[in-house]
N, C-alpha and C. Protein backbone atom coordinates (compact mmCIF):
# COMPACT_ATOMS: atom_id res chain seq x y z
N MET A 1 81.39 -29.28 -28.30
CA MET A 1 81.19 -29.09 -26.91
C MET A 1 80.16 -30.06 -26.37
N PHE A 2 80.04 -30.02 -25.04
CA PHE A 2 79.15 -30.93 -24.35
C PHE A 2 77.74 -30.37 -24.37
N GLN A 3 76.78 -31.16 -24.80
CA GLN A 3 75.39 -30.73 -24.82
C GLN A 3 74.64 -31.43 -23.69
N ALA A 4 73.81 -30.64 -22.99
CA ALA A 4 73.01 -31.21 -21.91
C ALA A 4 71.91 -32.07 -22.52
N ALA A 5 71.72 -33.22 -21.92
CA ALA A 5 70.68 -34.12 -22.41
C ALA A 5 69.32 -33.56 -22.04
N SER A 6 68.43 -33.56 -22.97
CA SER A 6 67.09 -33.05 -22.68
C SER A 6 66.30 -34.13 -21.93
N ARG A 7 65.41 -33.66 -21.09
CA ARG A 7 64.60 -34.59 -20.31
C ARG A 7 63.59 -35.27 -21.22
N PRO A 8 63.37 -36.53 -20.97
CA PRO A 8 62.36 -37.21 -21.77
C PRO A 8 60.97 -36.70 -21.37
N PRO A 9 60.01 -36.72 -22.26
CA PRO A 9 58.68 -36.17 -21.98
C PRO A 9 57.95 -36.91 -20.85
N PHE A 10 58.26 -38.16 -20.63
CA PHE A 10 57.55 -38.90 -19.58
C PHE A 10 57.92 -38.43 -18.18
N SER A 11 59.10 -37.82 -17.97
CA SER A 11 59.48 -37.33 -16.65
C SER A 11 58.62 -36.13 -16.26
N ARG A 12 58.30 -35.27 -17.21
CA ARG A 12 57.40 -34.15 -16.92
C ARG A 12 56.01 -34.65 -16.60
N LEU A 13 55.57 -35.67 -17.30
CA LEU A 13 54.26 -36.26 -17.05
C LEU A 13 54.23 -36.91 -15.67
N LEU A 14 55.31 -37.56 -15.29
CA LEU A 14 55.41 -38.19 -13.98
C LEU A 14 55.34 -37.15 -12.86
N VAL A 15 56.06 -36.05 -13.00
CA VAL A 15 56.04 -34.98 -12.01
C VAL A 15 54.64 -34.38 -11.91
N LEU A 16 53.99 -34.19 -13.04
CA LEU A 16 52.64 -33.64 -13.06
C LEU A 16 51.66 -34.59 -12.37
N CYS A 17 51.78 -35.88 -12.62
CA CYS A 17 50.90 -36.87 -11.98
C CYS A 17 51.14 -36.93 -10.48
N LEU A 18 52.39 -36.86 -10.05
CA LEU A 18 52.68 -36.86 -8.62
C LEU A 18 52.14 -35.63 -7.93
N LEU A 19 52.24 -34.49 -8.57
CA LEU A 19 51.71 -33.25 -8.02
C LEU A 19 50.19 -33.31 -7.91
N ALA A 20 49.52 -33.78 -8.96
CA ALA A 20 48.05 -33.90 -8.93
C ALA A 20 47.61 -34.91 -7.88
N GLY A 21 48.32 -36.02 -7.76
CA GLY A 21 47.98 -37.02 -6.76
C GLY A 21 48.12 -36.51 -5.34
N SER A 22 49.17 -35.73 -5.08
CA SER A 22 49.36 -35.19 -3.73
C SER A 22 48.27 -34.17 -3.39
N LEU A 23 47.82 -33.41 -4.38
CA LEU A 23 46.74 -32.46 -4.13
C LEU A 23 45.43 -33.18 -3.83
N VAL A 24 45.14 -34.25 -4.56
CA VAL A 24 43.91 -35.01 -4.34
C VAL A 24 43.94 -35.69 -2.98
N LEU A 25 45.05 -36.32 -2.64
CA LEU A 25 45.15 -37.03 -1.37
C LEU A 25 45.26 -36.10 -0.17
N GLY A 26 45.64 -34.86 -0.39
CA GLY A 26 45.73 -33.89 0.69
C GLY A 26 44.37 -33.59 1.30
N GLY A 27 43.30 -33.73 0.56
CA GLY A 27 41.96 -33.50 1.08
C GLY A 27 41.40 -34.69 1.82
N CYS A 28 42.06 -35.82 1.79
CA CYS A 28 41.60 -37.04 2.45
C CYS A 28 42.25 -37.19 3.81
N VAL A 29 42.07 -36.21 4.67
CA VAL A 29 42.67 -36.25 5.99
C VAL A 29 41.61 -36.69 6.98
N TYR A 30 41.97 -37.65 7.82
CA TYR A 30 41.04 -38.14 8.85
C TYR A 30 40.99 -37.13 9.99
N ARG A 31 39.80 -36.73 10.34
CA ARG A 31 39.60 -35.84 11.47
C ARG A 31 38.82 -36.60 12.52
N MET A 32 39.44 -36.84 13.65
CA MET A 32 38.81 -37.66 14.68
C MET A 32 37.81 -36.87 15.50
N THR A 33 36.88 -37.59 16.10
CA THR A 33 35.89 -36.99 16.98
C THR A 33 36.57 -36.61 18.29
N VAL A 34 36.33 -35.38 18.74
CA VAL A 34 36.93 -34.90 19.99
C VAL A 34 35.79 -34.54 20.94
N GLN A 35 35.79 -35.21 22.09
CA GLN A 35 34.77 -35.00 23.10
C GLN A 35 35.48 -34.55 24.37
N GLN A 36 35.06 -33.40 24.93
CA GLN A 36 35.73 -32.86 26.09
C GLN A 36 34.71 -32.35 27.10
N GLY A 37 35.05 -32.46 28.37
CA GLY A 37 34.24 -31.86 29.41
C GLY A 37 33.36 -32.85 30.14
N ASN A 38 32.36 -32.28 30.84
CA ASN A 38 31.40 -33.05 31.61
C ASN A 38 30.16 -33.29 30.77
N PHE A 39 29.94 -34.55 30.37
CA PHE A 39 28.71 -34.86 29.64
C PHE A 39 27.58 -34.93 30.65
N LEU A 40 26.54 -34.13 30.43
CA LEU A 40 25.40 -34.09 31.33
C LEU A 40 24.19 -34.66 30.63
N ASP A 41 23.56 -35.62 31.26
CA ASP A 41 22.33 -36.22 30.76
C ASP A 41 21.16 -35.32 31.16
N ALA A 42 20.09 -35.33 30.38
CA ALA A 42 18.92 -34.48 30.68
C ALA A 42 18.34 -34.82 32.05
N ARG A 43 18.37 -36.10 32.44
CA ARG A 43 17.84 -36.49 33.75
C ARG A 43 18.63 -35.84 34.88
N GLN A 44 19.93 -35.67 34.69
CA GLN A 44 20.75 -35.01 35.71
C GLN A 44 20.44 -33.52 35.77
N VAL A 45 20.34 -32.89 34.60
CA VAL A 45 20.15 -31.44 34.54
C VAL A 45 18.83 -31.03 35.17
N VAL A 46 17.76 -31.78 34.89
CA VAL A 46 16.44 -31.38 35.43
C VAL A 46 16.35 -31.64 36.93
N GLN A 47 17.22 -32.48 37.49
CA GLN A 47 17.20 -32.73 38.93
C GLN A 47 17.95 -31.66 39.72
N ALA A 48 18.79 -30.89 39.07
CA ALA A 48 19.52 -29.83 39.75
C ALA A 48 18.54 -28.70 40.08
N LYS A 49 18.42 -28.39 41.35
CA LYS A 49 17.44 -27.40 41.81
C LYS A 49 18.10 -26.40 42.75
N GLU A 50 17.48 -25.25 42.87
CA GLU A 50 17.93 -24.26 43.83
C GLU A 50 17.71 -24.81 45.24
N GLY A 51 18.65 -24.51 46.13
CA GLY A 51 18.56 -24.97 47.51
C GLY A 51 19.38 -26.22 47.78
N MET A 52 19.89 -26.88 46.73
CA MET A 52 20.73 -28.08 46.94
C MET A 52 22.07 -27.66 47.51
N THR A 53 22.68 -28.55 48.28
CA THR A 53 24.00 -28.27 48.83
C THR A 53 25.07 -28.60 47.80
N ARG A 54 26.30 -28.18 48.07
CA ARG A 54 27.42 -28.47 47.17
C ARG A 54 27.62 -29.98 47.03
N ALA A 55 27.50 -30.69 48.14
CA ALA A 55 27.69 -32.15 48.11
C ALA A 55 26.62 -32.82 47.24
N GLN A 56 25.39 -32.34 47.31
CA GLN A 56 24.32 -32.91 46.48
C GLN A 56 24.58 -32.64 45.01
N VAL A 57 25.03 -31.45 44.68
CA VAL A 57 25.33 -31.11 43.29
C VAL A 57 26.50 -31.94 42.78
N ARG A 58 27.52 -32.10 43.60
CA ARG A 58 28.69 -32.90 43.20
C ARG A 58 28.28 -34.36 43.00
N PHE A 59 27.40 -34.89 43.85
CA PHE A 59 26.93 -36.26 43.70
C PHE A 59 26.11 -36.42 42.42
N LEU A 60 25.28 -35.42 42.11
CA LEU A 60 24.40 -35.49 40.95
C LEU A 60 25.14 -35.25 39.63
N LEU A 61 25.98 -34.22 39.57
CA LEU A 61 26.61 -33.81 38.32
C LEU A 61 28.10 -34.13 38.23
N GLY A 62 28.72 -34.47 39.34
CA GLY A 62 30.15 -34.72 39.32
C GLY A 62 30.93 -33.46 39.63
N THR A 63 32.23 -33.60 39.61
CA THR A 63 33.11 -32.46 39.87
C THR A 63 33.13 -31.55 38.65
N PRO A 64 33.02 -30.24 38.85
CA PRO A 64 33.00 -29.34 37.69
C PRO A 64 34.31 -29.37 36.91
N MET A 65 34.19 -29.17 35.60
CA MET A 65 35.36 -29.20 34.73
C MET A 65 36.30 -28.04 35.00
N LEU A 66 35.73 -26.86 35.23
CA LEU A 66 36.54 -25.66 35.45
C LEU A 66 36.22 -25.05 36.81
N PRO A 67 36.99 -25.37 37.83
CA PRO A 67 36.77 -24.66 39.08
C PRO A 67 37.28 -23.23 38.94
N ASP A 68 36.46 -22.29 39.33
CA ASP A 68 36.82 -20.88 39.18
C ASP A 68 37.72 -20.47 40.34
N ALA A 69 38.93 -20.08 40.05
CA ALA A 69 39.89 -19.71 41.08
C ALA A 69 39.52 -18.38 41.75
N PHE A 70 38.77 -17.54 41.08
CA PHE A 70 38.44 -16.23 41.62
C PHE A 70 37.08 -16.20 42.30
N ASP A 71 36.20 -17.16 41.97
CA ASP A 71 34.86 -17.19 42.55
C ASP A 71 34.53 -18.62 42.94
N ARG A 72 34.69 -18.92 44.21
CA ARG A 72 34.44 -20.29 44.68
C ARG A 72 32.96 -20.63 44.72
N ASP A 73 32.11 -19.65 44.52
CA ASP A 73 30.67 -19.87 44.54
C ASP A 73 30.10 -20.07 43.14
N ARG A 74 30.94 -20.42 42.19
CA ARG A 74 30.49 -20.65 40.81
C ARG A 74 31.15 -21.92 40.29
N TRP A 75 30.32 -22.84 39.81
CA TRP A 75 30.80 -24.08 39.20
C TRP A 75 30.34 -24.11 37.75
N ASP A 76 31.27 -24.36 36.84
CA ASP A 76 30.94 -24.44 35.42
C ASP A 76 31.12 -25.87 34.94
N TYR A 77 30.06 -26.39 34.34
CA TYR A 77 30.09 -27.71 33.71
C TYR A 77 30.06 -27.48 32.21
N LEU A 78 31.18 -27.72 31.54
CA LEU A 78 31.32 -27.47 30.11
C LEU A 78 31.41 -28.79 29.37
N TYR A 79 30.86 -28.82 28.17
CA TYR A 79 30.95 -30.01 27.34
C TYR A 79 31.00 -29.57 25.89
N SER A 80 31.90 -30.17 25.11
CA SER A 80 31.94 -29.89 23.67
C SER A 80 32.17 -31.19 22.93
N LEU A 81 31.57 -31.28 21.76
CA LEU A 81 31.70 -32.45 20.90
C LEU A 81 31.96 -31.97 19.49
N ASP A 82 33.13 -32.30 18.96
CA ASP A 82 33.51 -31.96 17.59
C ASP A 82 33.61 -33.26 16.81
N LEU A 83 32.71 -33.46 15.87
CA LEU A 83 32.67 -34.70 15.11
C LEU A 83 33.75 -34.76 14.04
N GLY A 84 34.44 -33.66 13.78
CA GLY A 84 35.55 -33.67 12.84
C GLY A 84 35.15 -33.66 11.39
N LYS A 85 33.90 -33.40 11.10
CA LYS A 85 33.42 -33.39 9.71
C LYS A 85 33.38 -31.98 9.13
N GLY A 86 33.88 -31.03 9.86
CA GLY A 86 33.83 -29.66 9.39
C GLY A 86 32.60 -28.92 9.89
N ASP A 87 31.70 -29.64 10.58
CA ASP A 87 30.52 -28.99 11.15
C ASP A 87 30.92 -28.19 12.38
N LYS A 88 30.04 -27.30 12.78
CA LYS A 88 30.29 -26.52 13.98
C LYS A 88 30.20 -27.45 15.20
N PRO A 89 31.16 -27.39 16.12
CA PRO A 89 31.11 -28.27 17.29
C PRO A 89 29.92 -27.94 18.20
N MET A 90 29.39 -28.98 18.85
CA MET A 90 28.29 -28.80 19.79
C MET A 90 28.90 -28.37 21.13
N ARG A 91 28.36 -27.33 21.73
CA ARG A 91 28.86 -26.84 23.01
C ARG A 91 27.70 -26.68 23.99
N GLN A 92 27.96 -27.08 25.23
CA GLN A 92 26.96 -26.96 26.30
C GLN A 92 27.64 -26.38 27.52
N ARG A 93 26.88 -25.58 28.26
CA ARG A 93 27.42 -25.01 29.50
C ARG A 93 26.31 -24.93 30.53
N LEU A 94 26.59 -25.46 31.70
CA LEU A 94 25.69 -25.35 32.84
C LEU A 94 26.49 -24.70 33.96
N THR A 95 26.03 -23.55 34.41
CA THR A 95 26.73 -22.82 35.46
C THR A 95 25.86 -22.80 36.69
N ILE A 96 26.44 -23.19 37.82
CA ILE A 96 25.70 -23.22 39.08
C ILE A 96 26.36 -22.24 40.05
N TYR A 97 25.53 -21.36 40.60
CA TYR A 97 26.00 -20.35 41.55
C TYR A 97 25.52 -20.74 42.95
N PHE A 98 26.42 -20.55 43.92
CA PHE A 98 26.10 -20.88 45.31
C PHE A 98 26.08 -19.62 46.16
N ALA A 99 25.23 -19.64 47.18
CA ALA A 99 25.21 -18.62 48.22
C ALA A 99 24.96 -19.36 49.53
N ASP A 100 25.83 -19.16 50.49
CA ASP A 100 25.75 -19.87 51.78
C ASP A 100 25.78 -21.39 51.58
N ASP A 101 26.63 -21.86 50.66
CA ASP A 101 26.82 -23.28 50.35
C ASP A 101 25.56 -23.98 49.84
N LYS A 102 24.64 -23.22 49.27
CA LYS A 102 23.45 -23.80 48.65
C LYS A 102 23.27 -23.16 47.28
N VAL A 103 22.68 -23.90 46.34
CA VAL A 103 22.48 -23.39 44.99
C VAL A 103 21.53 -22.20 45.03
N SER A 104 21.99 -21.08 44.49
CA SER A 104 21.14 -19.88 44.46
C SER A 104 20.61 -19.60 43.06
N ARG A 105 21.35 -20.06 42.04
CA ARG A 105 20.94 -19.79 40.66
C ARG A 105 21.59 -20.79 39.74
N ILE A 106 20.88 -21.16 38.66
CA ILE A 106 21.40 -22.08 37.66
C ILE A 106 21.23 -21.44 36.29
N GLU A 107 22.32 -21.37 35.52
CA GLU A 107 22.28 -20.86 34.15
C GLU A 107 22.55 -22.02 33.20
N ASN A 108 21.66 -22.21 32.25
CA ASN A 108 21.79 -23.31 31.30
C ASN A 108 21.96 -22.74 29.90
N ASP A 109 23.07 -23.07 29.27
CA ASP A 109 23.33 -22.62 27.89
C ASP A 109 23.59 -23.85 27.02
N GLY A 110 22.51 -24.52 26.61
CA GLY A 110 22.63 -25.63 25.69
C GLY A 110 22.63 -27.01 26.31
N ALA A 111 22.64 -27.12 27.63
CA ALA A 111 22.60 -28.44 28.27
C ALA A 111 21.20 -29.02 28.08
N PRO A 112 21.09 -30.33 27.87
CA PRO A 112 19.78 -30.93 27.60
C PRO A 112 18.86 -30.87 28.81
N THR A 113 17.59 -30.61 28.56
CA THR A 113 16.61 -30.55 29.64
C THR A 113 15.39 -31.42 29.35
N GLU A 114 15.32 -31.99 28.18
CA GLU A 114 14.16 -32.80 27.82
C GLU A 114 14.55 -34.28 27.84
N VAL A 115 13.89 -35.03 28.73
CA VAL A 115 14.16 -36.45 28.86
C VAL A 115 13.50 -37.17 27.69
N PRO A 116 14.24 -38.07 27.00
CA PRO A 116 13.64 -38.80 25.87
C PRO A 116 12.40 -39.57 26.29
N THR A 117 11.46 -39.74 25.37
CA THR A 117 10.17 -40.35 25.69
C THR A 117 10.29 -41.80 26.11
N GLU A 118 11.26 -42.55 25.63
CA GLU A 118 11.38 -43.95 26.02
C GLU A 118 11.81 -44.11 27.47
N GLN A 119 12.31 -43.04 28.11
CA GLN A 119 12.71 -43.12 29.50
C GLN A 119 11.60 -42.69 30.44
N LYS A 120 10.64 -41.93 29.96
CA LYS A 120 9.59 -41.40 30.82
C LYS A 120 8.67 -42.48 31.39
N PRO A 121 8.20 -43.50 30.63
CA PRO A 121 7.30 -44.48 31.21
C PRO A 121 7.92 -45.27 32.36
N THR A 122 9.19 -45.60 32.31
CA THR A 122 9.82 -46.36 33.40
C THR A 122 9.92 -45.50 34.65
N GLU A 123 10.15 -44.20 34.47
CA GLU A 123 10.21 -43.32 35.62
C GLU A 123 8.83 -43.18 36.24
N GLN A 124 7.79 -43.14 35.42
CA GLN A 124 6.43 -43.05 35.94
C GLN A 124 6.06 -44.32 36.69
N LYS A 125 6.48 -45.48 36.18
CA LYS A 125 6.19 -46.75 36.85
C LYS A 125 6.90 -46.81 38.19
N SER A 126 8.17 -46.37 38.24
CA SER A 126 8.91 -46.42 39.51
C SER A 126 8.33 -45.43 40.50
N ALA A 127 7.86 -44.27 40.03
CA ALA A 127 7.23 -43.29 40.93
C ALA A 127 5.90 -43.83 41.46
N ALA A 128 5.13 -44.51 40.60
CA ALA A 128 3.86 -45.10 41.03
C ALA A 128 4.11 -46.22 42.04
N ALA A 129 5.16 -47.01 41.84
CA ALA A 129 5.48 -48.09 42.77
C ALA A 129 5.93 -47.51 44.11
N ALA A 130 6.64 -46.41 44.09
CA ALA A 130 7.11 -45.79 45.33
C ALA A 130 5.95 -45.22 46.12
N THR A 131 4.98 -44.62 45.45
CA THR A 131 3.83 -44.08 46.16
C THR A 131 2.93 -45.20 46.67
N ALA A 132 2.87 -46.31 45.94
CA ALA A 132 2.04 -47.44 46.38
C ALA A 132 2.65 -48.12 47.61
N SER A 133 3.97 -48.12 47.71
CA SER A 133 4.62 -48.74 48.85
C SER A 133 4.67 -47.82 50.06
N GLY A 134 4.33 -46.54 49.85
CA GLY A 134 4.26 -45.60 50.96
C GLY A 134 5.57 -44.89 51.25
N THR A 135 6.53 -44.93 50.33
CA THR A 135 7.80 -44.21 50.56
C THR A 135 7.80 -42.87 49.94
């Protein structure tokens, strides 16, 4: 009768090597950096004050990322940065509430408020020059 040919031992080794290689390469997946929302600089955040009009806030911070359809007196500026390395993504939220078309309250959840030290001396020089010129 007809006998089935047995597989040569190298075919099993080849299958095993291909399986091990696919498992090793499966962990080498590129995860790209994902940046979404309104990036707010600390200089912008510290300039936002109560009493500003909507137009002033829009000029300073830009158009909000999520306009609230149910509450027109609330603007949310959201920002997230996921570096793709498996770390927890960075999230920031600045919420501005309006009453009578002026800022009534500001809630800051992670948005930067400290201006880096290399920027402070130039701001002090420009402020000193403005006061010296009488403006």
